[in-house]
Amino acid sequence: MIFARIWFTILVLMLSAGCSTTPLPSVAQITPPAEFWIDLIQAEEVSEVDVFTDLATAGAIYIGEAHTIARHHAIQLEILQQLFLRKLPLVLCFEQLEARDQPAIDRYNRHDIDFETLAHEIDWSKKWANYLDYRPLCEFARLQGIPIRALNAPSATIRAVSRGGGLTLLVPELRAQLPAEIFTADPDYERLTNLQLAQHMALDPAKLRPVFEAQAARDETMAVNIVIARRVQAPPDEPRTAVVILGAGHMRYGLGTAERVRRRDPGIVERLILISESGQGQLTPEQKAQSRDITIAHGDLRPVGRPPADYVRVLPIAATTTDPTPTPARAP
């Protein structure tokens, strides 16, 4: 009799559910989920407390971004602030700054000049169009005494590598602006980079190798400067934790800049952070005209044999806009 009553109750519930006149909520009515963290090593959602407890053990924390997504920059600031609260000796490192501009950046670090003067002196607006997105990070770091370090090679030198036939054809005065050792025998990284580069409509496949060598030269330069940055104003036995702001293509899967730092500092503990785009990336009309949609399948990525990062910050999917054009995969 007990089982009979249970099945009768289930039947009543099923029938009442089927006869209900209350409509199911539409997709537009469903509240988008809050942001959350996923531990990609454990394949589980993880608390923010656990994320930052783990990050505090690292010597280099790479935060990969899509350069033009505003929420990515806000999360970078949140991460820097949380790490500062844990009283870690930090150094803030930027792909978006060229190492040759470090003297002006040091004057900014010392409060000798303000942000506007720094940007003007290094001509930042011409070197990096959305440089103002990094102002909150810079201002917080300066206020709290966190050194800011520039990582990148001169943009003209990198262009000369990609457009001039690669590293071997680079004129000596430009080659001298890059590290003596540039690791280019990196098949996994080259294959992934080429997959991303396929979105560029005008790119000649025969020129992929010089473009990859330019990418490697940029990564190697940034790696050298990260190793140096960790020891700025730090005791010999207590290097700073480098919080590295860079494009996701330079660190995904622990390749690119991250791998080159490991080669130069084998004992370093690293953590890799990605932030989902979730439909928030937008291309300008000019960028769309120069791009094509590509698909990078799971099978293209499985041979790497490792997760793309330690943690990913998942953003709510952006509301659908009137422009149905999908954002193609971004080049590193």
Protein backbone atom coordinates (compact mmCIF):
# COMPACT_ATOMS: atom_id res chain seq x y z
CA MET A 1 0.00 0.00 0.00
CA ILE A 2 2.86 2.37 0.73
CA PHE A 3 4.33 1.84 -2.74
CA ALA A 4 0.88 2.31 -4.29
CA ARG A 5 0.43 5.65 -2.53
CA ILE A 6 3.90 6.79 -3.69
CA TRP A 7 3.20 5.93 -7.32
CA PHE A 8 -0.22 7.57 -7.12
CA THR A 9 1.38 10.75 -5.81
CA ILE A 10 3.97 10.72 -8.61
CA LEU A 11 1.22 10.20 -11.19
CA VAL A 12 -0.79 13.13 -9.81
CA LEU A 13 2.28 15.38 -9.93
CA MET A 14 3.06 14.33 -13.49
CA LEU A 15 -0.50 14.94 -14.65
CA SER A 16 -0.77 18.27 -12.89
CA ALA A 17 2.51 19.38 -14.40
CA GLY A 18 1.33 18.37 -17.84
CA CYS A 19 -1.97 20.22 -17.44
CA SER A 20 -0.48 23.39 -15.96
CA THR A 21 -1.31 26.61 -17.79
CA THR A 22 1.77 28.42 -16.42
CA PRO A 23 4.12 29.00 -19.36
CA LEU A 24 7.78 28.11 -19.09
CA PRO A 25 10.09 31.11 -19.02
CA SER A 26 11.54 32.15 -22.33
CA VAL A 27 15.26 32.39 -22.86
CA ALA A 28 15.02 36.17 -22.56
CA GLN A 29 13.34 35.85 -19.12
CA ILE A 30 16.01 33.61 -17.61
CA THR A 31 18.37 35.56 -15.38
CA PRO A 32 21.91 35.18 -16.71
CA PRO A 33 24.25 33.33 -14.34
CA ALA A 34 26.68 35.22 -12.17
CA GLU A 35 30.36 35.14 -12.94
CA PHE A 36 32.25 32.21 -11.48
CA TRP A 37 35.63 30.47 -11.50
CA ILE A 38 36.43 27.04 -12.95
CA ASP A 39 39.53 25.08 -11.98
CA LEU A 40 40.53 23.56 -15.32
CA ILE A 41 42.92 21.10 -13.71
CA GLN A 42 40.18 19.61 -11.52
CA ALA A 43 37.37 20.35 -14.02
CA GLU A 44 35.26 21.81 -11.22
CA GLU A 45 33.82 25.14 -10.21
CA VAL A 46 35.96 26.63 -7.44
CA SER A 47 35.50 29.39 -4.90
CA GLU A 48 37.26 32.71 -5.23
CA VAL A 49 38.92 32.17 -1.86
CA ASP A 50 40.46 28.92 -3.07
CA VAL A 51 41.62 30.54 -6.31
CA PHE A 52 43.48 33.33 -4.54
CA THR A 53 44.89 31.02 -1.89
CA ASP A 54 46.47 29.05 -4.73
CA LEU A 55 47.56 32.11 -6.72
CA ALA A 56 49.45 33.34 -3.66
CA THR A 57 51.87 30.42 -4.07
CA ALA A 58 52.95 31.43 -7.60
CA GLY A 59 55.94 33.40 -8.78
CA ALA A 60 54.29 34.38 -12.07
CA ILE A 61 50.56 34.82 -12.69
CA TYR A 62 49.60 35.24 -16.34
CA ILE A 63 46.22 36.88 -16.99
CA GLY A 64 45.33 36.31 -20.63
CA GLU A 65 42.99 38.86 -22.15
CA ALA A 66 41.09 39.77 -25.26
CA HIS A 67 42.50 43.27 -25.53
CA THR A 68 39.25 45.14 -26.26
CA ILE A 69 36.86 43.57 -23.72
CA ALA A 70 36.31 46.04 -20.89
CA ARG A 71 35.27 43.38 -18.37
CA HIS A 72 38.61 41.62 -18.83
CA HIS A 73 40.43 44.72 -17.63
CA ALA A 74 38.12 45.11 -14.64
CA ILE A 75 38.82 41.51 -13.61
CA GLN A 76 42.56 42.09 -13.98
CA LEU A 77 42.26 44.97 -11.50
CA GLU A 78 40.23 42.81 -9.11
CA ILE A 79 42.90 40.10 -9.22
CA LEU A 80 45.69 42.60 -8.58
CA GLN A 81 43.77 44.09 -5.65
CA GLN A 82 43.08 40.70 -4.09
CA LEU A 83 46.74 39.68 -4.39
CA PHE A 84 47.82 42.98 -2.83
CA LEU A 85 45.53 42.34 0.16
CA ARG A 86 47.48 39.14 0.76
CA LYS A 87 50.60 41.26 1.31
CA LEU A 88 52.53 39.62 -1.52
CA PRO A 89 55.55 41.42 -3.01
CA LEU A 90 54.16 42.14 -6.47
CA VAL A 91 55.36 43.55 -9.76
CA LEU A 92 52.87 44.46 -12.50
CA CYS A 93 54.10 43.54 -15.99
CA PHE A 94 52.55 44.72 -19.27
CA GLU A 95 52.73 43.36 -22.79
CA GLN A 96 51.18 46.71 -23.74
CA LEU A 97 54.34 48.65 -22.82
CA GLU A 98 57.67 48.54 -24.66
CA ALA A 99 60.74 47.86 -22.54
CA ARG A 100 62.64 50.76 -24.08
CA ASP A 101 60.11 53.09 -22.39
CA GLN A 102 61.01 51.85 -18.90
CA PRO A 103 62.82 55.08 -17.87
CA ALA A 104 59.59 57.07 -18.29
CA ILE A 105 57.63 54.34 -16.53
CA ASP A 106 60.08 54.50 -13.62
CA ARG A 107 59.40 58.24 -13.33
CA TYR A 108 55.69 57.43 -13.18
CA ASN A 109 56.38 54.77 -10.53
CA ARG A 110 58.20 57.44 -8.45
CA HIS A 111 55.27 59.90 -8.80
CA ASP A 112 57.49 62.29 -10.78
CA ILE A 113 54.93 62.40 -13.62
CA ASP A 114 51.22 61.61 -13.90
CA PHE A 115 49.49 59.14 -16.20
CA GLU A 116 48.75 61.69 -18.94
CA THR A 117 52.38 62.77 -19.06
CA LEU A 118 53.56 59.17 -19.19
CA ALA A 119 51.20 58.33 -22.06
CA HIS A 120 52.33 61.42 -23.95
CA GLU A 121 56.05 60.82 -23.42
CA ILE A 122 55.95 57.21 -24.64
CA ASP A 123 53.40 57.95 -27.41
CA TRP A 124 51.25 55.19 -25.96
CA SER A 125 48.10 56.03 -27.91
CA LYS A 126 49.87 55.29 -31.21
CA LYS A 127 51.49 52.10 -29.94
CA TRP A 128 48.37 50.70 -28.25
CA ALA A 129 44.98 52.08 -29.27
CA ASN A 130 43.04 51.19 -26.10
CA TYR A 131 45.82 52.18 -23.69
CA LEU A 132 43.31 53.99 -21.45
CA ASP A 133 41.84 50.60 -20.49
CA TYR A 134 45.03 49.97 -18.50
CA ARG A 135 44.93 53.23 -16.55
CA PRO A 136 43.08 51.80 -13.50
CA LEU A 137 45.69 49.05 -13.18
CA CYS A 138 48.55 51.53 -13.47
CA GLU A 139 47.03 53.99 -11.00
CA PHE A 140 46.33 51.30 -8.40
CA ALA A 141 49.83 49.88 -8.73
CA ARG A 142 51.46 53.28 -8.34
CA LEU A 143 49.26 54.19 -5.37
CA GLN A 144 50.22 50.97 -3.58
CA GLY A 145 53.91 51.04 -4.48
CA ILE A 146 53.76 48.08 -6.86
CA PRO A 147 56.46 48.52 -9.53
CA ILE A 148 55.23 48.61 -13.13
CA ARG A 149 57.46 46.99 -15.73
CA ALA A 150 57.30 47.08 -19.52
CA LEU A 151 57.82 43.78 -21.36
CA ASN A 152 57.51 44.20 -25.09
CA ALA A 153 59.98 44.60 -27.93
CA PRO A 154 59.72 47.67 -30.19
CA SER A 155 56.72 47.22 -32.46
CA ALA A 156 58.68 48.28 -35.54
CA THR A 157 61.22 45.54 -34.89
CA ILE A 158 58.53 42.88 -34.56
CA ARG A 159 56.94 44.08 -37.81
CA ALA A 160 60.32 43.85 -39.53
CA VAL A 161 60.56 40.19 -38.50
CA SER A 162 57.05 39.29 -39.70
CA ARG A 163 57.15 41.24 -42.96
CA GLY A 164 60.83 40.97 -43.82
CA GLY A 165 61.26 37.21 -44.04
CA GLY A 166 61.97 36.23 -40.44
CA LEU A 167 64.77 36.54 -37.93
CA THR A 168 67.63 35.50 -40.20
CA LEU A 169 66.99 38.43 -42.57
CA LEU A 170 66.69 41.03 -39.83
CA VAL A 171 69.30 43.79 -40.12
CA PRO A 172 71.91 43.72 -37.30
CA GLU A 173 70.78 46.93 -35.59
CA LEU A 174 67.24 45.59 -35.24
CA ARG A 175 68.37 42.08 -34.28
CA ALA A 176 70.34 43.64 -31.42
CA GLN A 177 67.04 44.89 -29.94
CA LEU A 178 65.91 41.30 -29.35
CA PRO A 179 67.27 38.58 -27.02
CA ALA A 180 70.28 36.69 -28.33
CA GLU A 181 68.45 33.40 -27.86
CA ILE A 182 65.03 33.10 -29.47
CA PHE A 183 63.46 29.64 -29.28
CA THR A 184 61.57 28.91 -32.52
CA ALA A 185 61.62 25.08 -32.59
CA ASP A 186 58.18 24.89 -30.97
CA PRO A 187 55.82 22.81 -33.15
CA ASP A 188 52.79 22.83 -30.81
CA TYR A 189 52.91 26.59 -30.41
CA GLU A 190 53.54 27.19 -34.10
CA ARG A 191 50.62 24.96 -35.10
CA LEU A 192 48.24 26.72 -32.68
CA THR A 193 49.45 30.13 -33.80
CA ASN A 194 48.90 29.22 -37.44
CA LEU A 195 45.38 28.04 -36.67
CA GLN A 196 44.59 31.43 -35.17
CA LEU A 197 46.26 33.32 -38.00
CA ALA A 198 43.95 31.63 -40.51
CA GLN A 199 41.29 34.24 -39.65
CA HIS A 200 43.25 36.96 -41.45
CA MET A 201 41.88 37.23 -44.95
CA ALA A 202 44.98 38.78 -46.54
CA LEU A 203 47.64 36.58 -44.93
CA ASP A 204 49.66 34.57 -47.44
CA PRO A 205 50.13 31.01 -46.06
CA ALA A 206 53.71 31.10 -47.36
CA LYS A 207 54.43 33.91 -44.88
CA LEU A 208 53.23 32.06 -41.79
CA ARG A 209 56.75 31.14 -40.66
CA PRO A 210 58.04 34.74 -40.46
CA VAL A 211 54.87 35.74 -38.59
CA PHE A 212 55.42 32.93 -36.11
CA GLU A 213 59.06 33.95 -35.67
CA ALA A 214 57.84 37.47 -34.88
CA GLN A 215 55.49 36.01 -32.28
CA ALA A 216 58.35 34.00 -30.77
CA ALA A 217 60.59 37.08 -30.71
CA ARG A 218 57.93 39.00 -28.83
CA ASP A 219 57.44 36.12 -26.36
CA GLU A 220 61.18 35.76 -25.77
CA THR A 221 61.57 39.48 -25.13
CA MET A 222 58.70 39.47 -22.66
CA ALA A 223 60.11 36.40 -20.92
CA VAL A 224 63.51 38.03 -20.43
CA ASN A 225 61.86 41.10 -18.95
CA ILE A 226 59.59 39.09 -16.63
CA VAL A 227 62.62 37.34 -15.15
CA ILE A 228 64.27 40.73 -14.63
CA ALA A 229 61.09 42.32 -13.25
CA ARG A 230 60.72 39.75 -10.49
CA ARG A 231 64.00 40.93 -8.98
CA VAL A 232 63.31 44.67 -9.08
CA GLN A 233 63.68 46.12 -5.56
CA ALA A 234 63.51 42.59 -4.13
CA PRO A 235 65.87 40.61 -1.89
CA PRO A 236 67.94 37.99 -3.77
CA ASP A 237 66.09 35.12 -2.09
CA GLU A 238 62.59 36.60 -2.37
CA PRO A 239 61.73 37.61 -5.94
CA ARG A 240 58.47 39.41 -6.52
CA THR A 241 55.33 37.73 -7.83
CA ALA A 242 54.90 38.89 -11.43
CA VAL A 243 51.31 39.71 -12.38
CA VAL A 244 51.53 39.60 -16.16
CA ILE A 245 48.93 41.32 -18.36
CA LEU A 246 49.08 39.95 -21.91
CA GLY A 247 47.04 38.61 -24.76
CA ALA A 248 45.70 35.12 -24.15
CA GLY A 249 47.50 33.79 -27.22
CA HIS A 250 50.84 34.47 -25.55
CA MET A 251 50.17 32.15 -22.59
CA ARG A 252 47.38 29.70 -23.41
CA TYR A 253 48.35 26.05 -22.72
CA GLY A 254 51.46 27.33 -20.92
CA LEU A 255 53.07 28.03 -24.30
CA GLY A 256 54.51 31.25 -25.68
CA THR A 257 55.77 33.67 -23.06
CA ALA A 258 55.04 31.31 -20.17
CA GLU A 259 57.12 28.49 -21.63
CA ARG A 260 60.03 30.82 -22.31
CA VAL A 261 59.99 32.09 -18.73
CA ARG A 262 60.16 28.48 -17.51
CA ARG A 263 63.19 27.85 -19.71
CA ARG A 264 64.96 30.87 -18.24
CA ASP A 265 63.79 30.30 -14.65
CA PRO A 266 63.19 26.52 -14.33
CA GLY A 267 62.10 26.60 -10.69
CA ILE A 268 59.35 29.17 -11.12
CA VAL A 269 55.79 28.35 -10.05
CA GLU A 270 53.28 29.70 -12.56
CA ARG A 271 49.53 30.05 -12.72
CA LEU A 272 47.58 30.71 -15.91
CA ILE A 273 44.26 32.58 -15.90
CA LEU A 274 41.89 32.93 -18.83
CA ILE A 275 38.70 34.99 -18.98
CA SER A 276 35.85 33.89 -21.22
CA GLU A 277 34.81 36.21 -24.03
CA SER A 278 31.17 35.06 -23.78
CA GLY A 279 30.13 37.03 -26.82
CA GLN A 280 31.51 40.31 -25.49
CA GLY A 281 34.27 40.67 -28.09
CA GLN A 282 33.40 43.10 -30.86
CA LEU A 283 35.26 43.80 -34.08
CA THR A 284 35.31 47.15 -35.80
CA PRO A 285 33.99 47.28 -39.39
CA GLU A 286 37.60 47.53 -40.60
CA GLN A 287 38.59 44.42 -38.63
CA LYS A 288 35.58 42.51 -39.94
CA ALA A 289 36.49 43.41 -43.50
CA GLN A 290 39.96 41.94 -42.99
CA SER A 291 38.83 38.78 -41.23
CA ARG A 292 37.03 35.58 -42.00
CA ASP A 293 35.22 33.16 -39.73
CA ILE A 294 37.19 30.06 -38.85
CA THR A 295 36.46 26.99 -36.78
CA ILE A 296 39.08 25.47 -34.51
CA ALA A 297 37.77 22.04 -33.55
CA HIS A 298 38.49 20.06 -30.40
CA GLY A 299 40.52 17.66 -32.50
CA ASP A 300 42.83 20.52 -33.48
CA LEU A 301 43.62 21.21 -29.83
CA ARG A 302 43.75 17.73 -28.26
CA PRO A 303 47.34 17.02 -29.39
CA VAL A 304 48.58 19.72 -27.01
CA GLY A 305 47.74 17.31 -24.19
CA ARG A 306 47.23 19.89 -21.44
CA PRO A 307 44.50 22.28 -20.26
CA PRO A 308 44.59 25.82 -21.65
CA ALA A 309 45.01 27.36 -18.17
CA ASP A 310 44.78 26.67 -14.46
CA TYR A 311 41.66 28.79 -13.98
CA VAL A 312 39.07 30.44 -16.16
CA ARG A 313 36.80 33.26 -15.06
CA VAL A 314 33.46 32.64 -16.78
CA LEU A 315 31.45 35.71 -17.73
CA PRO A 316 27.69 35.74 -18.47
CA ILE A 317 26.96 35.45 -22.16
CA ALA A 318 26.36 38.88 -23.65
CA ALA A 319 22.86 39.74 -24.83
CA THR A 320 22.25 39.17 -28.53
CA THR A 321 22.82 42.29 -30.58
CA THR A 322 21.29 43.29 -33.88
CA ASP A 323 24.56 42.43 -35.61
CA PRO A 324 24.59 38.65 -36.20
CA THR A 325 28.20 38.60 -37.38
CA PRO A 326 30.14 36.21 -35.11
CA THR A 327 33.46 37.27 -33.71
CA PRO A 328 36.14 35.14 -35.38
CA ALA A 329 38.87 33.50 -33.37
CA ARG A 330 41.47 36.05 -32.32
CA ALA A 331 45.10 35.91 -33.31
CA PRO A 332 47.57 35.76 -30.42
